[in-house]
């Protein structure tokens, strides 16, 4: 999976459409908040725990017609790069040595 900086190209596109500056990193909480704002504005919340996917959401959620609220968060992981634990450990050790 390729990323353009802090998130996937699909996520950057969605956030830009919603008026966010997608070139600057957003926290996961802010991204989820933006998604829920869109869900409410577009009336995508179905009864129960499901969210209907329109054309924009299908790009984010594996081309599914709908997702449940719990799998939505799991699928979102695909749009953010995994942190390399070895690299993070190395950086924290270097920071500790400099202090």
C-alpha atoms as a PDB file:
ATOM      1  CA  UNK A   1       0.000   0.000   0.000  1.00  0.00           C
ATOM      2  CA  UNK A   2       1.359   3.407  -0.938  1.00  0.00           C
ATOM      3  CA  UNK A   3       0.935   6.502   1.159  1.00  0.00           C
ATOM      4  CA  UNK A   4       1.359  10.160   0.384  1.00  0.00           C
ATOM      5  CA  UNK A   5       2.872  11.232   3.658  1.00  0.00           C
ATOM      6  CA  UNK A   6       0.605  10.726   6.645  1.00  0.00           C
ATOM      7  CA  UNK A   7      -2.333   8.941   4.956  1.00  0.00           C
ATOM      8  CA  UNK A   8      -3.543   7.228   1.792  1.00  0.00           C
ATOM      9  CA  UNK A   9      -4.280   9.178  -1.400  1.00  0.00           C
ATOM     10  CA  UNK A  10      -7.969   8.221  -1.045  1.00  0.00           C
ATOM     11  CA  UNK A  11      -8.157   9.693   2.450  1.00  0.00           C
ATOM     12  CA  UNK A  12      -6.381  12.880   1.362  1.00  0.00           C
ATOM     13  CA  UNK A  13      -8.835  13.238  -1.523  1.00  0.00           C
ATOM     14  CA  UNK A  14     -11.847  12.768   0.755  1.00  0.00           C
ATOM     15  CA  UNK A  15     -10.588  15.227   3.370  1.00  0.00           C
ATOM     16  CA  UNK A  16      -9.769  17.825   0.711  1.00  0.00           C
ATOM     17  CA  UNK A  17     -13.306  17.498  -0.707  1.00  0.00           C
ATOM     18  CA  UNK A  18     -14.617  18.171   2.789  1.00  0.00           C
ATOM     19  CA  UNK A  19     -12.579  21.367   3.065  1.00  0.00           C
ATOM     20  CA  UNK A  20      -9.711  20.117   5.223  1.00  0.00           C
ATOM     21  CA  UNK A  21      -6.059  20.885   4.543  1.00  0.00           C
ATOM     22  CA  UNK A  22      -5.111  17.292   3.812  1.00  0.00           C
ATOM     23  CA  UNK A  23      -1.461  18.129   3.203  1.00  0.00           C
ATOM     24  CA  UNK A  24      -0.953  18.662   6.925  1.00  0.00           C
ATOM     25  CA  UNK A  25      -1.330  15.626   9.191  1.00  0.00           C
ATOM     26  CA  UNK A  26      -4.566  15.266  11.117  1.00  0.00           C
ATOM     27  CA  UNK A  27      -4.986  13.095  14.178  1.00  0.00           C
ATOM     28  CA  UNK A  28      -7.080   9.963  13.832  1.00  0.00           C
ATOM     29  CA  UNK A  29      -9.747  11.470  16.109  1.00  0.00           C
ATOM     30  CA  UNK A  30     -10.062  14.502  13.796  1.00  0.00           C
ATOM     31  CA  UNK A  31     -10.344  12.229  10.744  1.00  0.00           C
ATOM     32  CA  UNK A  32     -13.077  10.118  12.367  1.00  0.00           C
ATOM     33  CA  UNK A  33     -14.872  13.302  13.408  1.00  0.00           C
ATOM     34  CA  UNK A  34     -14.763  14.523   9.779  1.00  0.00           C
ATOM     35  CA  UNK A  35     -16.131  11.168   8.590  1.00  0.00           C
ATOM     36  CA  UNK A  36     -19.041  11.325  11.050  1.00  0.00           C
ATOM     37  CA  UNK A  37     -19.818  14.895  10.029  1.00  0.00           C
ATOM     38  CA  UNK A  38     -20.030  13.678   6.420  1.00  0.00           C
ATOM     39  CA  UNK A  39     -22.157  10.658   7.413  1.00  0.00           C
ATOM     40  CA  UNK A  40     -24.685  12.909   9.147  1.00  0.00           C
ATOM     41  CA  UNK A  41     -24.696  15.549   6.399  1.00  0.00           C
ATOM     42  CA  UNK A  42     -25.288  12.941   3.685  1.00  0.00           C
ATOM     43  CA  UNK A  43     -27.791  10.880   5.707  1.00  0.00           C
ATOM     44  CA  UNK A  44     -25.696   7.717   5.406  1.00  0.00           C
ATOM     45  CA  UNK A  45     -26.449   6.319   8.874  1.00  0.00           C
ATOM     46  CA  UNK A  46     -28.909   3.441   8.650  1.00  0.00           C
ATOM     47  CA  UNK A  47     -30.976   2.100  11.527  1.00  0.00           C
ATOM     48  CA  UNK A  48     -28.836   0.026  13.819  1.00  0.00           C
ATOM     49  CA  UNK A  49     -25.096   0.030  13.447  1.00  0.00           C
ATOM     50  CA  UNK A  50     -24.699   0.325   9.666  1.00  0.00           C
ATOM     51  CA  UNK A  51     -23.461   3.140   7.462  1.00  0.00           C
ATOM     52  CA  UNK A  52     -24.408   3.221   3.801  1.00  0.00           C
ATOM     53  CA  UNK A  53     -21.462   3.900   1.488  1.00  0.00           C
ATOM     54  CA  UNK A  54     -21.903   6.469  -1.263  1.00  0.00           C
ATOM     55  CA  UNK A  55     -19.374   6.843  -4.098  1.00  0.00           C
ATOM     56  CA  UNK A  56     -16.854   8.711  -1.898  1.00  0.00           C
ATOM     57  CA  UNK A  57     -17.113   6.235   0.979  1.00  0.00           C
ATOM     58  CA  UNK A  58     -16.765   3.262  -1.366  1.00  0.00           C
ATOM     59  CA  UNK A  59     -13.306   4.590  -2.243  1.00  0.00           C
ATOM     60  CA  UNK A  60     -12.399   4.526   1.449  1.00  0.00           C
ATOM     61  CA  UNK A  61     -14.203   1.347   2.515  1.00  0.00           C
ATOM     62  CA  UNK A  62     -13.123  -1.337   0.050  1.00  0.00           C
ATOM     63  CA  UNK A  63     -15.944  -0.676  -2.439  1.00  0.00           C
ATOM     64  CA  UNK A  64     -18.558  -1.980   0.016  1.00  0.00           C
ATOM     65  CA  UNK A  65     -22.202  -0.921  -0.165  1.00  0.00           C
ATOM     66  CA  UNK A  66     -22.303  -0.506   3.606  1.00  0.00           C
ATOM     67  CA  UNK A  67     -20.100  -0.982   6.661  1.00  0.00           C
ATOM     68  CA  UNK A  68     -20.896  -1.385  10.314  1.00  0.00           C
ATOM     69  CA  UNK A  69     -19.559   1.185  12.755  1.00  0.00           C
ATOM     70  CA  UNK A  70     -17.046  -1.225  14.251  1.00  0.00           C
ATOM     71  CA  UNK A  71     -15.541  -2.455  10.971  1.00  0.00           C
ATOM     72  CA  UNK A  72     -15.376   1.157   9.761  1.00  0.00           C
ATOM     73  CA  UNK A  73     -12.664   1.874  12.328  1.00  0.00           C
ATOM     74  CA  UNK A  74     -10.795  -1.322  11.468  1.00  0.00           C
ATOM     75  CA  UNK A  75     -10.877  -0.535   7.730  1.00  0.00           C
ATOM     76  CA  UNK A  76      -9.605   2.978   8.448  1.00  0.00           C
ATOM     77  CA  UNK A  77      -6.295   1.409   9.503  1.00  0.00           C
ATOM     78  CA  UNK A  78      -5.621   0.793   5.794  1.00  0.00           C
ATOM     79  CA  UNK A  79      -5.466   4.543   5.232  1.00  0.00           C
ATOM     80  CA  UNK A  80      -2.693   5.247   7.739  1.00  0.00           C
ATOM     81  CA  UNK A  81       0.870   3.900   7.536  1.00  0.00           C
ATOM     82  CA  UNK A  82       1.911   1.482  10.221  1.00  0.00           C
ATOM     83  CA  UNK A  83       4.568   2.779  12.522  1.00  0.00           C
ATOM     84  CA  UNK A  84       7.780   0.845  12.309  1.00  0.00           C
ATOM     85  CA  UNK A  85       8.480  -0.254  15.902  1.00  0.00           C
ATOM     86  CA  UNK A  86      12.202  -0.789  15.263  1.00  0.00           C
ATOM     87  CA  UNK A  87      12.520   2.666  13.727  1.00  0.00           C
ATOM     88  CA  UNK A  88      10.595   4.277  16.604  1.00  0.00           C
ATOM     89  CA  UNK A  89      12.746   2.475  19.163  1.00  0.00           C
ATOM     90  CA  UNK A  90      15.904   3.648  17.404  1.00  0.00           C
ATOM     91  CA  UNK A  91      14.643   7.254  17.333  1.00  0.00           C
ATOM     92  CA  UNK A  92      13.731   7.196  21.023  1.00  0.00           C
ATOM     93  CA  UNK A  93      17.183   5.803  21.911  1.00  0.00           C
ATOM     94  CA  UNK A  94      18.855   8.536  19.852  1.00  0.00           C
ATOM     95  CA  UNK A  95      16.737  11.175  21.576  1.00  0.00           C
ATOM     96  CA  UNK A  96      17.656   9.757  24.998  1.00  0.00           C
ATOM     97  CA  UNK A  97      21.375   9.846  24.139  1.00  0.00           C
ATOM     98  CA  UNK A  98      21.131  13.495  23.017  1.00  0.00           C
ATOM     99  CA  UNK A  99      19.435  14.551  26.263  1.00  0.00           C
END
